[in-house]
Amino acid sequence: MTDDRTAEANGIRATYDETESERRLAFEAETGSGRGTAAIAQNIEGYAMLKVRPTADGDELERYYGFDMALDHVGELLGVSPHDLPVPAAAEDMGM
């Protein structure tokens, strides 16, 4: 089942959630070598740079101003085209 906080397409599941300090968009995908994960995080106010991580709680790998650039990096981590990444409606406004 999908709602405005989850989306699935192309064997990839995306889940959006919020903590006290962050907005998080986490991805899970079946890859050639097993299950891959990646995440994008932004401050709760929604105006800071986006942080790409291997998991929602993982260490920051890189920061981006644009959501498209962060999605490109996530696609690279998962070994898929960024155009194949589903984005839940609640996360569509991430980025500056």
PDB file of N, CA and C in Angstrom:
ATOM      1  N   MET A   1       0.846  -1.189   0.000  1.00  0.00           N
ATOM      2  CA  MET A   1       0.000   0.000   0.000  1.00  0.00           C
ATOM      3  C   MET A   1       0.883   1.241   0.000  1.00  0.00           C
ATOM      4  N   THR A   2       0.520   2.226  -0.774  1.00  0.00           N
ATOM      5  CA  THR A   2       1.263   3.476  -0.774  1.00  0.00           C
ATOM      6  C   THR A   2       0.368   4.604  -0.283  1.00  0.00           C
ATOM      7  N   ASP A   3       0.975   5.645   0.213  1.00  0.00           N
ATOM      8  CA  ASP A   3       0.281   6.843   0.647  1.00  0.00           C
ATOM      9  C   ASP A   3       1.181   8.017   0.305  1.00  0.00           C
ATOM     10  N   ASP A   4       0.964   9.187   0.888  1.00  0.00           N
ATOM     11  CA  ASP A   4       1.798  10.331   0.535  1.00  0.00           C
ATOM     12  C   ASP A   4       3.201  10.246   1.119  1.00  0.00           C
ATOM     13  N   ARG A   5       3.483   9.252   1.976  1.00  0.00           N
ATOM     14  CA  ARG A   5       4.802   9.103   2.601  1.00  0.00           C
ATOM     15  C   ARG A   5       5.574   7.879   2.091  1.00  0.00           C
ATOM     16  N   THR A   6       4.966   7.077   1.253  1.00  0.00           N
ATOM     17  CA  THR A   6       5.653   5.924   0.676  1.00  0.00           C
ATOM     18  C   THR A   6       5.363   5.857  -0.825  1.00  0.00           C
ATOM     19  N   ALA A   7       6.293   5.277  -1.555  1.00  0.00           N
ATOM     20  CA  ALA A   7       6.111   5.066  -2.985  1.00  0.00           C
ATOM     21  C   ALA A   7       6.955   3.868  -3.399  1.00  0.00           C
ATOM     22  N   GLU A   8       6.462   3.126  -4.375  1.00  0.00           N
ATOM     23  CA  GLU A   8       7.193   1.974  -4.897  1.00  0.00           C
ATOM     24  C   GLU A   8       7.137   1.985  -6.412  1.00  0.00           C
ATOM     25  N   ALA A   9       8.271   1.689  -7.035  1.00  0.00           N
ATOM     26  CA  ALA A   9       8.353   1.559  -8.484  1.00  0.00           C
ATOM     27  C   ALA A   9       9.691   0.929  -8.838  1.00  0.00           C
ATOM     28  N   ASN A  10       9.711   0.165  -9.897  1.00  0.00           N
ATOM     29  CA  ASN A  10      10.957  -0.387 -10.438  1.00  0.00           C
ATOM     30  C   ASN A  10      11.758  -1.189  -9.416  1.00  0.00           C
ATOM     31  N   GLY A  11      11.066  -1.872  -8.487  1.00  0.00           N
ATOM     32  CA  GLY A  11      11.754  -2.661  -7.471  1.00  0.00           C
ATOM     33  C   GLY A  11      12.384  -1.827  -6.369  1.00  0.00           C
ATOM     34  N   ILE A  12      11.988  -0.561  -6.272  1.00  0.00           N
ATOM     35  CA  ILE A  12      12.538   0.362  -5.280  1.00  0.00           C
ATOM     36  C   ILE A  12      11.404   0.868  -4.397  1.00  0.00           C
ATOM     37  N   ARG A  13      11.645   0.872  -3.110  1.00  0.00           N
ATOM     38  CA  ARG A  13      10.661   1.415  -2.155  1.00  0.00           C
ATOM     39  C   ARG A  13      11.265   2.662  -1.514  1.00  0.00           C
ATOM     40  N   ALA A  14      10.478   3.733  -1.492  1.00  0.00           N
ATOM     41  CA  ALA A  14      10.897   4.987  -0.865  1.00  0.00           C
ATOM     42  C   ALA A  14       9.955   5.291   0.294  1.00  0.00           C
ATOM     43  N   THR A  15      10.538   5.707   1.418  1.00  0.00           N
ATOM     44  CA  THR A  15       9.754   6.034   2.602  1.00  0.00           C
ATOM     45  C   THR A  15      10.206   7.385   3.143  1.00  0.00           C
ATOM     46  N   TYR A  16       9.247   8.271   3.345  1.00  0.00           N
ATOM     47  CA  TYR A  16       9.515   9.599   3.888  1.00  0.00           C
ATOM     48  C   TYR A  16       9.068   9.642   5.341  1.00  0.00           C
ATOM     49  N   ASP A  17       9.907  10.219   6.207  1.00  0.00           N
ATOM     50  CA  ASP A  17       9.479  10.450   7.585  1.00  0.00           C
ATOM     51  C   ASP A  17      10.151  11.703   8.123  1.00  0.00           C
ATOM     52  N   GLU A  18       9.695  12.115   9.291  1.00  0.00           N
ATOM     53  CA  GLU A  18      10.252  13.293   9.950  1.00  0.00           C
ATOM     54  C   GLU A  18      10.614  12.939  11.387  1.00  0.00           C
ATOM     55  N   THR A  19      11.771  13.435  11.820  1.00  0.00           N
ATOM     56  CA  THR A  19      12.179  13.312  13.218  1.00  0.00           C
ATOM     57  C   THR A  19      12.035  14.702  13.830  1.00  0.00           C
ATOM     58  N   GLU A  20      12.502  14.876  15.037  1.00  0.00           N
ATOM     59  CA  GLU A  20      12.445  16.198  15.669  1.00  0.00           C
ATOM     60  C   GLU A  20      13.307  17.214  14.933  1.00  0.00           C
ATOM     61  N   SER A  21      14.352  16.728  14.249  1.00  0.00           N
ATOM     62  CA  SER A  21      15.284  17.664  13.621  1.00  0.00           C
ATOM     63  C   SER A  21      15.435  17.515  12.109  1.00  0.00           C
ATOM     64  N   GLU A  22      14.914  16.425  11.522  1.00  0.00           N
ATOM     65  CA  GLU A  22      15.147  16.180  10.098  1.00  0.00           C
ATOM     66  C   GLU A  22      13.927  15.662   9.352  1.00  0.00           C
ATOM     67  N   ARG A  23      13.953  15.942   8.052  1.00  0.00           N
ATOM     68  CA  ARG A  23      13.070  15.292   7.086  1.00  0.00           C
ATOM     69  C   ARG A  23      13.944  14.232   6.418  1.00  0.00           C
ATOM     70  N   ARG A  24      13.446  13.004   6.268  1.00  0.00           N
ATOM     71  CA  ARG A  24      14.263  11.921   5.719  1.00  0.00           C
ATOM     72  C   ARG A  24      13.506  11.171   4.628  1.00  0.00           C
ATOM     73  N   LEU A  25      14.218  10.900   3.560  1.00  0.00           N
ATOM     74  CA  LEU A  25      13.686  10.094   2.471  1.00  0.00           C
ATOM     75  C   LEU A  25      14.625   8.918   2.287  1.00  0.00           C
ATOM     76  N   ALA A  26      14.159   7.722   2.634  1.00  0.00           N
ATOM     77  CA  ALA A  26      14.996   6.518   2.592  1.00  0.00           C
ATOM     78  C   ALA A  26      14.564   5.629   1.433  1.00  0.00           C
ATOM     79  N   PHE A  27      15.541   5.026   0.771  1.00  0.00           N
ATOM     80  CA  PHE A  27      15.298   4.143  -0.362  1.00  0.00           C
ATOM     81  C   PHE A  27      15.840   2.750  -0.069  1.00  0.00           C
ATOM     82  N   GLU A  28      15.097   1.727  -0.515  1.00  0.00           N
ATOM     83  CA  GLU A  28      15.551   0.334  -0.460  1.00  0.00           C
ATOM     84  C   GLU A  28      15.337  -0.250  -1.846  1.00  0.00           C
ATOM     85  N   ALA A  29      16.341  -0.970  -2.341  1.00  0.00           N
ATOM     86  CA  ALA A  29      16.229  -1.566  -3.671  1.00  0.00           C
ATOM     87  C   ALA A  29      16.939  -2.902  -3.709  1.00  0.00           C
ATOM     88  N   GLU A  30      16.405  -3.810  -4.491  1.00  0.00           N
ATOM     89  CA  GLU A  30      17.097  -5.060  -4.763  1.00  0.00           C
ATOM     90  C   GLU A  30      18.140  -4.756  -5.830  1.00  0.00           C
ATOM     91  N   THR A  31      19.374  -5.099  -5.548  1.00  0.00           N
ATOM     92  CA  THR A  31      20.458  -4.854  -6.501  1.00  0.00           C
ATOM     93  C   THR A  31      21.080  -6.186  -6.886  1.00  0.00           C
ATOM     94  N   GLY A  32      21.993  -6.172  -7.815  1.00  0.00           N
ATOM     95  CA  GLY A  32      22.669  -7.390  -8.233  1.00  0.00           C
ATOM     96  C   GLY A  32      23.397  -8.077  -7.107  1.00  0.00           C
ATOM     97  N   SER A  33      23.796  -7.309  -6.093  1.00  0.00           N
ATOM     98  CA  SER A  33      24.544  -7.882  -4.969  1.00  0.00           C
ATOM     99  C   SER A  33      23.714  -7.953  -3.684  1.00  0.00           C
ATOM    100  N   GLY A  34      22.400  -7.855  -3.798  1.00  0.00           N
ATOM    101  CA  GLY A  34      21.546  -7.932  -2.608  1.00  0.00           C
ATOM    102  C   GLY A  34      20.696  -6.690  -2.463  1.00  0.00           C
ATOM    103  N   ARG A  35      20.344  -6.383  -1.237  1.00  0.00           N
ATOM    104  CA  ARG A  35      19.514  -5.212  -0.958  1.00  0.00           C
ATOM    105  C   ARG A  35      20.398  -3.996  -0.751  1.00  0.00           C
ATOM    106  N   GLY A  36      20.095  -2.916  -1.462  1.00  0.00           N
ATOM    107  CA  GLY A  36      20.832  -1.676  -1.309  1.00  0.00           C
ATOM    108  C   GLY A  36      19.973  -0.623  -0.638  1.00  0.00           C
ATOM    109  N   THR A  37      20.613   0.267   0.098  1.00  0.00           N
ATOM    110  CA  THR A  37      19.891   1.355   0.752  1.00  0.00           C
ATOM    111  C   THR A  37      20.624   2.670   0.538  1.00  0.00           C
ATOM    112  N   ALA A  38      19.877   3.742   0.593  1.00  0.00           N
ATOM    113  CA  ALA A  38      20.420   5.092   0.524  1.00  0.00           C
ATOM    114  C   ALA A  38      19.357   6.019   1.095  1.00  0.00           C
ATOM    115  N   ALA A  39      19.768   7.211   1.506  1.00  0.00           N
ATOM    116  CA  ALA A  39      18.816   8.152   2.095  1.00  0.00           C
ATOM    117  C   ALA A  39      19.232   9.586   1.810  1.00  0.00           C
ATOM    118  N   ILE A  40      18.230  10.452   1.845  1.00  0.00           N
ATOM    119  CA  ILE A  40      18.435  11.900   1.722  1.00  0.00           C
ATOM    120  C   ILE A  40      17.820  12.522   2.967  1.00  0.00           C
ATOM    121  N   ALA A  41      18.554  13.423   3.605  1.00  0.00           N
ATOM    122  CA  ALA A  41      18.058  14.091   4.809  1.00  0.00           C
ATOM    123  C   ALA A  41      18.194  15.598   4.670  1.00  0.00           C
ATOM    124  N   GLN A  42      17.294  16.314   5.309  1.00  0.00           N
ATOM    125  CA  GLN A  42      17.290  17.777   5.296  1.00  0.00           C
ATOM    126  C   GLN A  42      16.779  18.240   6.656  1.00  0.00           C
ATOM    127  N   ASN A  43      17.171  19.445   7.079  1.00  0.00           N
ATOM    128  CA  ASN A  43      16.675  19.906   8.377  1.00  0.00           C
ATOM    129  C   ASN A  43      15.150  20.014   8.348  1.00  0.00           C
ATOM    130  N   ILE A  44      14.541  19.997   9.498  1.00  0.00           N
ATOM    131  CA  ILE A  44      13.092  19.948   9.607  1.00  0.00           C
ATOM    132  C   ILE A  44      12.418  21.177   8.999  1.00  0.00           C
ATOM    133  N   GLU A  45      13.128  22.303   8.994  1.00  0.00           N
ATOM    134  CA  GLU A  45      12.563  23.516   8.405  1.00  0.00           C
ATOM    135  C   GLU A  45      12.516  23.434   6.882  1.00  0.00           C
ATOM    136  N   GLY A  46      13.314  22.528   6.293  1.00  0.00           N
ATOM    137  CA  GLY A  46      13.251  22.293   4.862  1.00  0.00           C
ATOM    138  C   GLY A  46      13.998  23.288   3.999  1.00  0.00           C
ATOM    139  N   TYR A  47      14.985  24.004   4.541  1.00  0.00           N
ATOM    140  CA  TYR A  47      15.694  24.971   3.704  1.00  0.00           C
ATOM    141  C   TYR A  47      17.196  24.730   3.612  1.00  0.00           C
ATOM    142  N   ALA A  48      17.744  23.804   4.356  1.00  0.00           N
ATOM    143  CA  ALA A  48      19.190  23.563   4.341  1.00  0.00           C
ATOM    144  C   ALA A  48      19.573  22.606   3.217  1.00  0.00           C
ATOM    145  N   MET A  49      20.869  22.455   3.027  1.00  0.00           N
ATOM    146  CA  MET A  49      21.364  21.527   2.014  1.00  0.00           C
ATOM    147  C   MET A  49      20.905  20.106   2.328  1.00  0.00           C
ATOM    148  N   LEU A  50      20.792  19.305   1.285  1.00  0.00           N
ATOM    149  CA  LEU A  50      20.402  17.907   1.419  1.00  0.00           C
ATOM    150  C   LEU A  50      21.633  17.051   1.675  1.00  0.00           C
ATOM    151  N   LYS A  51      21.519  16.113   2.579  1.00  0.00           N
ATOM    152  CA  LYS A  51      22.623  15.215   2.917  1.00  0.00           C
ATOM    153  C   LYS A  51      22.302  13.825   2.370  1.00  0.00           C
ATOM    154  N   VAL A  52      23.207  13.262   1.597  1.00  0.00           N
ATOM    155  CA  VAL A  52      23.037  11.894   1.114  1.00  0.00           C
ATOM    156  C   VAL A  52      23.806  10.973   2.052  1.00  0.00           C
ATOM    157  N   ARG A  53      23.142   9.884   2.457  1.00  0.00           N
ATOM    158  CA  ARG A  53      23.703   8.923   3.401  1.00  0.00           C
ATOM    159  C   ARG A  53      23.474   7.503   2.876  1.00  0.00           C
ATOM    160  N   PRO A  54      24.226   6.538   3.380  1.00  0.00           N
ATOM    161  CA  PRO A  54      23.981   5.154   2.978  1.00  0.00           C
ATOM    162  C   PRO A  54      22.690   4.600   3.598  1.00  0.00           C
ATOM    163  N   THR A  55      22.288   5.130   4.756  1.00  0.00           N
ATOM    164  CA  THR A  55      21.027   4.803   5.427  1.00  0.00           C
ATOM    165  C   THR A  55      20.512   6.082   6.073  1.00  0.00           C
ATOM    166  N   ALA A  56      19.269   6.064   6.526  1.00  0.00           N
ATOM    167  CA  ALA A  56      18.689   7.266   7.142  1.00  0.00           C
ATOM    168  C   ALA A  56      19.497   7.750   8.336  1.00  0.00           C
ATOM    169  N   ASP A  57      20.073   6.817   9.108  1.00  0.00           N
ATOM    170  CA  ASP A  57      20.857   7.173  10.292  1.00  0.00           C
ATOM    171  C   ASP A  57      22.357   7.142  10.041  1.00  0.00           C
ATOM    172  N   GLY A  58      22.770   6.860   8.810  1.00  0.00           N
ATOM    173  CA  GLY A  58      24.189   6.706   8.496  1.00  0.00           C
ATOM    174  C   GLY A  58      24.942   8.023   8.437  1.00  0.00           C
ATOM    175  N   ASP A  59      26.246   7.907   8.251  1.00  0.00           N
ATOM    176  CA  ASP A  59      27.105   9.082   8.133  1.00  0.00           C
ATOM    177  C   ASP A  59      26.903   9.759   6.782  1.00  0.00           C
ATOM    178  N   GLU A  60      26.984  11.051   6.789  1.00  0.00           N
ATOM    179  CA  GLU A  60      26.833  11.851   5.566  1.00  0.00           C
ATOM    180  C   GLU A  60      27.934  11.507   4.558  1.00  0.00           C
ATOM    181  N   LEU A  61      27.522  11.301   3.315  1.00  0.00           N
ATOM    182  CA  LEU A  61      28.476  11.054   2.236  1.00  0.00           C
ATOM    183  C   LEU A  61      28.766  12.329   1.445  1.00  0.00           C
ATOM    184  N   GLU A  62      27.727  13.139   1.227  1.00  0.00           N
ATOM    185  CA  GLU A  62      27.857  14.351   0.406  1.00  0.00           C
ATOM    186  C   GLU A  62      26.663  15.249   0.689  1.00  0.00           C
ATOM    187  N   ARG A  63      26.820  16.565   0.395  1.00  0.00           N
ATOM    188  CA  ARG A  63      25.722  17.541   0.518  1.00  0.00           C
ATOM    189  C   ARG A  63      25.432  18.172  -0.838  1.00  0.00           C
ATOM    190  N   TYR A  64      24.157  18.465  -1.045  1.00  0.00           N
ATOM    191  CA  TYR A  64      23.728  19.067  -2.306  1.00  0.00           C
ATOM    192  C   TYR A  64      22.687  20.153  -2.038  1.00  0.00           C
ATOM    193  N   TYR A  65      22.669  21.166  -2.888  1.00  0.00           N
ATOM    194  CA  TYR A  65      21.617  22.177  -2.827  1.00  0.00           C
ATOM    195  C   TYR A  65      20.351  21.666  -3.495  1.00  0.00           C
ATOM    196  N   GLY A  66      20.513  20.955  -4.599  1.00  0.00           N
ATOM    197  CA  GLY A  66      19.362  20.540  -5.388  1.00  0.00           C
ATOM    198  C   GLY A  66      18.929  19.111  -5.134  1.00  0.00           C
ATOM    199  N   PHE A  67      17.617  18.903  -5.112  1.00  0.00           N
ATOM    200  CA  PHE A  67      17.038  17.585  -4.928  1.00  0.00           C
ATOM    201  C   PHE A  67      17.444  16.656  -6.075  1.00  0.00           C
ATOM    202  N   ASP A  68      17.462  17.176  -7.305  1.00  0.00           N
ATOM    203  CA  ASP A  68      17.847  16.352  -8.456  1.00  0.00           C
ATOM    204  C   ASP A  68      19.270  15.816  -8.307  1.00  0.00           C
ATOM    205  N   MET A  69      20.183  16.652  -7.815  1.00  0.00           N
ATOM    206  CA  MET A  69      21.563  16.209  -7.635  1.00  0.00           C
ATOM    207  C   MET A  69      21.656  15.140  -6.543  1.00  0.00           C
ATOM    208  N   ALA A  70      20.880  15.298  -5.485  1.00  0.00           N
ATOM    209  CA  ALA A  70      20.866  14.291  -4.416  1.00  0.00           C
ATOM    210  C   ALA A  70      20.294  12.975  -4.943  1.00  0.00           C
ATOM    211  N   LEU A  71      19.233  13.060  -5.756  1.00  0.00           N
ATOM    212  CA  LEU A  71      18.664  11.849  -6.348  1.00  0.00           C
ATOM    213  C   LEU A  71      19.659  11.175  -7.291  1.00  0.00           C
ATOM    214  N   ASP A  72      20.445  11.958  -8.018  1.00  0.00           N
ATOM    215  CA  ASP A  72      21.489  11.382  -8.886  1.00  0.00           C
ATOM    216  C   ASP A  72      22.453  10.541  -8.058  1.00  0.00           C
ATOM    217  N   HIS A  73      22.869  11.074  -6.912  1.00  0.00           N
ATOM    218  CA  HIS A  73      23.812  10.351  -6.047  1.00  0.00           C
ATOM    219  C   HIS A  73      23.164   9.082  -5.492  1.00  0.00           C
ATOM    220  N   VAL A  74      21.906   9.163  -5.077  1.00  0.00           N
ATOM    221  CA  VAL A  74      21.196   7.985  -4.577  1.00  0.00           C
ATOM    222  C   VAL A  74      21.116   6.925  -5.674  1.00  0.00           C
ATOM    223  N   GLY A  75      20.779   7.351  -6.893  1.00  0.00           N
ATOM    224  CA  GLY A  75      20.733   6.408  -8.006  1.00  0.00           C
ATOM    225  C   GLY A  75      22.066   5.721  -8.215  1.00  0.00           C
ATOM    226  N   GLU A  76      23.133   6.486  -8.101  1.00  0.00           N
ATOM    227  CA  GLU A  76      24.488   5.934  -8.231  1.00  0.00           C
ATOM    228  C   GLU A  76      24.765   4.895  -7.133  1.00  0.00           C
ATOM    229  N   LEU A  77      24.383   5.206  -5.904  1.00  0.00           N
ATOM    230  CA  LEU A  77      24.591   4.282  -4.792  1.00  0.00           C
ATOM    231  C   LEU A  77      23.809   2.981  -4.973  1.00  0.00           C
ATOM    232  N   LEU A  78      22.604   3.092  -5.527  1.00  0.00           N
ATOM    233  CA  LEU A  78      21.756   1.917  -5.705  1.00  0.00           C
ATOM    234  C   LEU A  78      21.987   1.218  -7.041  1.00  0.00           C
ATOM    235  N   GLY A  79      22.735   1.856  -7.940  1.00  0.00           N
ATOM    236  CA  GLY A  79      22.984   1.264  -9.246  1.00  0.00           C
ATOM    237  C   GLY A  79      21.788   1.327 -10.172  1.00  0.00           C
ATOM    238  N   VAL A  80      20.979   2.386 -10.031  1.00  0.00           N
ATOM    239  CA  VAL A  80      19.797   2.572 -10.878  1.00  0.00           C
ATOM    240  C   VAL A  80      19.789   3.995 -11.432  1.00  0.00           C
ATOM    241  N   SER A  81      18.979   4.204 -12.455  1.00  0.00           N
ATOM    242  CA  SER A  81      18.810   5.552 -12.976  1.00  0.00           C
ATOM    243  C   SER A  81      18.043   6.387 -11.953  1.00  0.00           C
ATOM    244  N   PRO A  82      18.438   7.641 -11.738  1.00  0.00           N
ATOM    245  CA  PRO A  82      17.679   8.483 -10.806  1.00  0.00           C
ATOM    246  C   PRO A  82      16.229   8.672 -11.254  1.00  0.00           C
ATOM    247  N   HIS A  83      15.969   8.500 -12.543  1.00  0.00           N
ATOM    248  CA  HIS A  83      14.603   8.621 -13.063  1.00  0.00           C
ATOM    249  C   HIS A  83      13.729   7.449 -12.628  1.00  0.00           C
ATOM    250  N   ASP A  84      14.361   6.352 -12.183  1.00  0.00           N
ATOM    251  CA  ASP A  84      13.620   5.181 -11.710  1.00  0.00           C
ATOM    252  C   ASP A  84      13.268   5.269 -10.231  1.00  0.00           C
ATOM    253  N   LEU A  85      13.780   6.273  -9.534  1.00  0.00           N
ATOM    254  CA  LEU A  85      13.531   6.404  -8.098  1.00  0.00           C
ATOM    255  C   LEU A  85      12.134   6.969  -7.842  1.00  0.00           C
ATOM    256  N   PRO A  86      11.317   6.248  -7.091  1.00  0.00           N
ATOM    257  CA  PRO A  86      10.004   6.793  -6.736  1.00  0.00           C
ATOM    258  C   PRO A  86      10.166   7.836  -5.629  1.00  0.00           C
ATOM    259  N   VAL A  87       9.389   8.900  -5.685  1.00  0.00           N
ATOM    260  CA  VAL A  87       9.432   9.947  -4.662  1.00  0.00           C
ATOM    261  C   VAL A  87       8.022  10.137  -4.108  1.00  0.00           C
ATOM    262  N   PRO A  88       7.818   9.862  -2.835  1.00  0.00           N
ATOM    263  CA  PRO A  88       6.506  10.073  -2.233  1.00  0.00           C
ATOM    264  C   PRO A  88       6.102  11.544  -2.299  1.00  0.00           C
ATOM    265  N   ALA A  89       4.817  11.791  -2.380  1.00  0.00           N
ATOM    266  CA  ALA A  89       4.312  13.172  -2.486  1.00  0.00           C
ATOM    267  C   ALA A  89       4.804  14.067  -1.364  1.00  0.00           C
ATOM    268  N   ALA A  90       4.908  13.552  -0.151  1.00  0.00           N
ATOM    269  CA  ALA A  90       5.335  14.363   0.996  1.00  0.00           C
ATOM    270  C   ALA A  90       6.781  14.842   0.865  1.00  0.00           C
ATOM    271  N   ALA A  91       7.581  14.193   0.009  1.00  0.00           N
ATOM    272  CA  ALA A  91       8.989  14.553  -0.129  1.00  0.00           C
ATOM    273  C   ALA A  91       9.294  15.350  -1.391  1.00  0.00           C
ATOM    274  N   GLU A  92       8.301  15.627  -2.216  1.00  0.00           N
ATOM    275  CA  GLU A  92       8.540  16.285  -3.501  1.00  0.00           C
ATOM    276  C   GLU A  92       9.118  17.689  -3.377  1.00  0.00           C
ATOM    277  N   ASP A  93       8.940  18.336  -2.223  1.00  0.00           N
ATOM    278  CA  ASP A  93       9.433  19.710  -2.064  1.00  0.00           C
ATOM    279  C   ASP A  93      10.787  19.790  -1.369  1.00  0.00           C
ATOM    280  N   MET A  94      11.483  18.671  -1.239  1.00  0.00           N
ATOM    281  CA  MET A  94      12.801  18.702  -0.598  1.00  0.00           C
ATOM    282  C   MET A  94      13.787  19.423  -1.507  1.00  0.00           C
ATOM    283  N   GLY A  95      14.774  20.052  -0.919  1.00  0.00           N
ATOM    284  CA  GLY A  95      15.776  20.785  -1.675  1.00  0.00           C
ATOM    285  C   GLY A  95      15.545  22.265  -1.623  1.00  0.00           C
ATOM    286  N   MET A  96      16.538  23.017  -2.142  1.00  0.00           N
ATOM    287  CA  MET A  96      16.455  24.478  -2.099  1.00  0.00           C
ATOM    288  C   MET A  96      16.019  25.024  -3.429  1.00  0.00           C
TER     289      MET A  96
END
